Structure formats: C-alpha cells, structure tokens
Amino acid sequence: MTDDAQVVGSRSSNLNLPNTITIVRILLAPVFLWLLFADDGAGGGLRWAATALFVLAIATDGIDGHIARSRNQVTDLGKLLDPIADKVLTGAALVALSILTELPWWVTVVILVREVGITVHRMIVLSDHVVAAAWMGKLKTVVQAIAISFALAPLPELLGDWMFVVNGVLMAAALVLTVASGVDYIAAEARGARAARRTRS
C-alpha cells in the first residue's frame, strides 16, 4: 500500500500478519540508522548492510498490502500505520543522507513536506471521503525507493564517479514525481470533496 491508495477496510483483527509486517518495518528504521552512522557513512560493510536493510524493509511495503487485501485483513490500524511506516523509513533515509552531506537539505525538506502533509490530510478526511488510488502516486513511491536505495549504496566507490550522475538523475526524477503527484492529489481531493458534498446534499 502507498499513501496515495486507500482500501476500504473490513472488521478484521488488528493482530494479523500484515500489521505485524508494518510494525516491523517501523522498528527497522532505528537499526538502519545505526548501521548507516556507525562508521560515519563510510562505504564499507556497514554501509552495504544499511542499504540491504533499507531495500528489504521498503520491499515489505507492497507485501503487507497484498497480504491484507488477499486475506481480507485490511484494518483501520493498518491503514493508519502503513503510511507512517513508509514515512518513517524513507524520511529517516533522506534525513540521514542530508546529514552525511550526500543530499541537499532542500530536497529532503520538499519531499518530506509533501509526504507528511498529504499523509496527515488523508487521515483527517478518511471518515468523510476516500481519494481514489492514483497511478502517479504509486510510481512516485517506486521511484523514491529506487532513488534512495541507489543513493545509499556506495556504488561510486565500486563502479566509478559516473554513478553520481545516475544517482542525481534518479533523485531528480523522484523529486519531480513527488511534487507532481502532490499536485495531482490536491486536485483529486478537491474533486472527492465536491462529490461528497453533493452526495450529502
């Protein structure tokens, strides 16, 4: 699941596998940060371990959603925790890269303002109306995950400085999609709010 997709929940127990996976993803964030900062972000074994843990954790984002939908285990708790888990993990990675001076702070701020702002808004309007899933939001999530994974991996040391160009292109694509999908969300939310008002009137 992504912050740009909503699934109508059923009365399923909160103690289920999808929610457990989501909670584990949140708990992995501090472990990831420790691995990344343990040797000051140097491109050694701990940096590779941090990268591998991030990739593994972010991959569970799609797994818990698939399990929840296929087993009819979508819960209100899961819909609350899933976007929080996503933002905790990606936010931690972006902030860490900026602290290590490997990513400009303004990029991190723009992405986090969009992500946190829309996630909070989605939670506020959840009981009023649902904003339909957006393909741009899903693409944004995938590109963000790829861009951050490449930025975390010390590939320039392994393959050469040209990887800095690759990383820059990927992060630029993630930034553009983040902003564009945010605008798309605002437009979809405005349409959803108008539809909800017409239904009540």
Protein backbone atom coordinates (compact mmCIF):
# COMPACT_ATOMS: atom_id res chain seq x y z
CA MET A 1 0.00 0.00 0.00
CA THR A 2 1.09 3.63 -0.54
CA ASP A 3 -0.06 6.91 0.86
CA ASP A 4 -1.81 7.52 -2.48
CA ALA A 5 -4.04 4.45 -2.25
CA GLN A 6 -6.90 3.67 0.09
CA VAL A 7 -8.54 0.31 0.63
CA VAL A 8 -11.93 0.00 2.22
CA GLY A 9 -11.39 -1.97 5.41
CA SER A 10 -13.29 -4.85 6.90
CA ARG A 11 -13.73 -5.82 10.52
CA SER A 12 -10.52 -7.82 10.71
CA SER A 13 -8.43 -8.31 13.83
CA ASN A 14 -5.59 -5.86 14.32
CA LEU A 15 -3.38 -8.76 15.38
CA ASN A 16 -2.66 -10.06 11.90
CA LEU A 17 0.32 -10.68 9.64
CA PRO A 18 0.08 -7.51 7.51
CA ASN A 19 0.04 -5.25 10.58
CA THR A 20 2.91 -7.19 12.12
CA ILE A 21 4.99 -6.67 8.98
CA THR A 22 4.17 -2.96 9.05
CA ILE A 23 5.22 -2.63 12.70
CA VAL A 24 8.47 -4.50 11.99
CA ARG A 25 9.16 -2.02 9.17
CA ILE A 26 8.87 0.84 11.67
CA LEU A 27 11.16 -0.92 14.14
CA LEU A 28 13.80 -1.49 11.46
CA ALA A 29 14.26 2.27 10.93
CA PRO A 30 16.49 2.85 14.00
CA VAL A 31 18.51 -0.27 13.18
CA PHE A 32 19.00 1.07 9.65
CA LEU A 33 20.16 4.43 11.01
CA TRP A 34 22.62 2.82 13.40
CA LEU A 35 24.17 0.78 10.59
CA LEU A 36 24.42 3.87 8.38
CA PHE A 37 26.02 6.13 11.01
CA ALA A 38 28.13 3.52 12.81
CA ASP A 39 31.13 4.24 10.59
CA ASP A 40 30.09 7.80 9.68
CA GLY A 41 28.55 6.70 6.40
CA ALA A 42 31.76 5.24 5.01
CA GLY A 43 31.35 2.84 2.10
CA GLY A 44 32.26 -0.30 3.99
CA GLY A 45 30.37 -3.34 5.14
CA LEU A 46 28.06 -1.44 7.50
CA ARG A 47 27.01 0.93 4.70
CA TRP A 48 26.17 -2.05 2.49
CA ALA A 49 24.29 -3.65 5.39
CA ALA A 50 22.29 -0.44 5.90
CA THR A 51 21.45 -0.36 2.21
CA ALA A 52 20.39 -4.01 2.19
CA LEU A 53 18.20 -3.47 5.26
CA PHE A 54 16.53 -0.44 3.67
CA VAL A 55 15.81 -2.37 0.46
CA LEU A 56 14.42 -5.30 2.45
CA ALA A 57 12.27 -3.07 4.65
CA ILE A 58 10.90 -0.96 1.81
CA ALA A 59 10.06 -4.12 -0.15
CA THR A 60 7.69 -5.19 2.62
CA ASP A 61 5.59 -2.12 1.81
CA GLY A 62 3.97 -3.96 -1.09
CA ILE A 63 3.94 -7.31 0.67
CA ASP A 64 1.82 -6.27 3.66
CA GLY A 65 -0.71 -4.56 1.41
CA HIS A 66 -1.03 -7.59 -0.86
CA ILE A 67 -1.50 -9.94 2.08
CA ALA A 68 -4.06 -7.64 3.70
CA ARG A 69 -6.15 -7.40 0.54
CA SER A 70 -5.87 -11.07 -0.47
CA ARG A 71 -6.76 -12.32 3.03
CA ASN A 72 -9.39 -9.67 3.72
CA GLN A 73 -7.31 -8.43 6.66
CA VAL A 74 -7.44 -4.69 5.94
CA THR A 75 -7.91 -2.83 9.25
CA ASP A 76 -8.16 0.78 10.36
CA LEU A 77 -4.95 0.28 12.33
CA GLY A 78 -3.20 -0.99 9.23
CA LYS A 79 -4.41 1.99 7.18
CA LEU A 80 -3.04 4.26 9.91
CA LEU A 81 0.31 2.53 10.43
CA ASP A 82 1.19 1.76 6.81
CA PRO A 83 1.79 5.34 5.63
CA ILE A 84 3.51 6.13 8.94
CA ALA A 85 5.89 3.21 8.40
CA ASP A 86 6.64 4.41 4.87
CA LYS A 87 7.39 7.95 6.01
CA VAL A 88 9.49 6.84 8.98
CA LEU A 89 11.71 4.69 6.76
CA THR A 90 12.06 6.97 3.74
CA GLY A 91 12.23 10.06 5.94
CA ALA A 92 14.99 8.54 8.04
CA ALA A 93 16.97 7.69 4.91
CA LEU A 94 16.57 11.15 3.38
CA VAL A 95 17.49 12.97 6.59
CA ALA A 96 20.47 10.67 7.09
CA LEU A 97 21.74 11.32 3.56
CA SER A 98 21.43 15.06 4.17
CA ILE A 99 23.26 14.80 7.50
CA LEU A 100 26.04 12.97 5.65
CA THR A 101 26.03 15.88 3.13
CA GLU A 102 25.21 13.46 0.31
CA LEU A 103 21.82 15.00 -0.44
CA PRO A 104 20.89 18.71 -0.34
CA TRP A 105 18.65 19.56 2.59
CA TRP A 106 16.16 21.37 0.38
CA VAL A 107 15.46 18.13 -1.50
CA THR A 108 14.78 16.32 1.77
CA VAL A 109 12.56 19.15 3.03
CA VAL A 110 10.47 19.32 -0.17
CA ILE A 111 9.88 15.56 -0.21
CA LEU A 112 9.07 15.31 3.50
CA VAL A 113 6.72 18.31 3.50
CA ARG A 114 4.74 16.72 0.65
CA GLU A 115 4.74 13.24 2.20
CA VAL A 116 3.86 14.23 5.76
CA GLY A 117 1.36 16.90 4.72
CA ILE A 118 -0.66 14.64 2.45
CA THR A 119 -0.50 11.70 4.87
CA VAL A 120 -1.88 13.84 7.71
CA HIS A 121 -4.57 15.28 5.45
CA ARG A 122 -5.57 11.82 4.25
CA MET A 123 -6.05 10.69 7.85
CA ILE A 124 -8.18 13.75 8.61
CA VAL A 125 -10.58 13.27 5.69
CA LEU A 126 -10.68 9.45 5.87
CA SER A 127 -14.06 9.39 7.62
CA ASP A 128 -15.52 11.91 5.19
CA HIS A 129 -14.45 10.59 1.80
CA VAL A 130 -11.80 8.47 0.11
CA VAL A 131 -9.41 9.75 -2.54
CA ALA A 132 -9.06 7.15 -5.28
CA ALA A 133 -5.73 5.45 -5.96
CA ALA A 134 -3.50 7.43 -8.32
CA TRP A 135 -1.03 5.86 -10.73
CA MET A 136 1.34 8.81 -10.29
CA GLY A 137 1.43 8.29 -6.55
CA LYS A 138 2.28 4.63 -6.98
CA LEU A 139 5.01 5.47 -9.50
CA LYS A 140 6.36 8.11 -7.12
CA THR A 141 6.66 5.55 -4.34
CA VAL A 142 8.59 3.12 -6.55
CA VAL A 143 10.94 5.78 -7.94
CA GLN A 144 11.59 7.18 -4.46
CA ALA A 145 12.52 3.72 -3.20
CA ILE A 146 14.88 3.14 -6.13
CA ALA A 147 16.47 6.59 -5.88
CA ILE A 148 17.07 6.31 -2.14
CA SER A 149 18.43 2.76 -2.50
CA PHE A 150 20.95 3.90 -5.13
CA ALA A 151 21.89 6.93 -3.02
CA LEU A 152 22.51 4.71 0.00
CA ALA A 153 24.60 2.11 -1.82
CA PRO A 154 28.29 3.14 -2.10
CA LEU A 155 28.23 2.35 -5.82
CA PRO A 156 30.53 5.23 -6.88
CA GLU A 157 33.34 3.63 -4.91
CA LEU A 158 32.64 0.33 -6.61
CA LEU A 159 31.77 1.39 -10.18
CA GLY A 160 33.18 4.89 -10.52
CA ASP A 161 32.14 8.54 -10.28
CA TRP A 162 29.64 8.22 -13.14
CA MET A 163 27.29 6.68 -10.60
CA PHE A 164 26.92 10.13 -9.04
CA VAL A 165 25.23 11.20 -12.28
CA VAL A 166 22.92 8.18 -12.15
CA ASN A 167 22.06 8.93 -8.53
CA GLY A 168 21.36 12.56 -9.37
CA VAL A 169 19.04 11.66 -12.25
CA LEU A 170 17.14 9.15 -10.11
CA MET A 171 16.73 11.58 -7.22
CA ALA A 172 15.63 14.34 -9.60
CA ALA A 173 13.00 12.01 -11.05
CA ALA A 174 11.82 11.14 -7.54
CA LEU A 175 11.61 14.83 -6.63
CA VAL A 176 9.63 15.74 -9.76
CA LEU A 177 7.21 12.86 -9.25
CA THR A 178 6.84 13.74 -5.57
CA VAL A 179 5.79 17.29 -6.38
CA ALA A 180 3.66 16.31 -9.41
CA SER A 181 1.83 13.57 -7.52
CA GLY A 182 1.22 16.03 -4.69
CA VAL A 183 -0.46 18.43 -7.09
CA ASP A 184 -2.41 15.51 -8.57
CA TYR A 185 -3.54 14.50 -5.06
CA ILE A 186 -4.75 18.02 -4.28
CA ALA A 187 -6.79 18.06 -7.49
CA ALA A 188 -8.24 14.59 -6.76
CA GLU A 189 -9.03 15.61 -3.18
CA ALA A 190 -10.89 18.69 -4.40
CA ARG A 191 -12.97 16.52 -6.73
CA GLY A 192 -13.61 13.99 -3.96
CA ALA A 193 -14.69 16.70 -1.51
CA ARG A 194 -17.12 18.17 -4.05
CA ALA A 195 -18.57 14.73 -4.76
CA ALA A 196 -19.01 14.07 -1.04
CA ARG A 197 -20.84 17.38 -0.58
CA ARG A 198 -23.15 16.62 -3.50
CA THR A 199 -23.93 13.19 -2.03
CA ARG A 200 -24.88 14.69 1.34
CA SER A 201 -26.99 17.47 -0.17
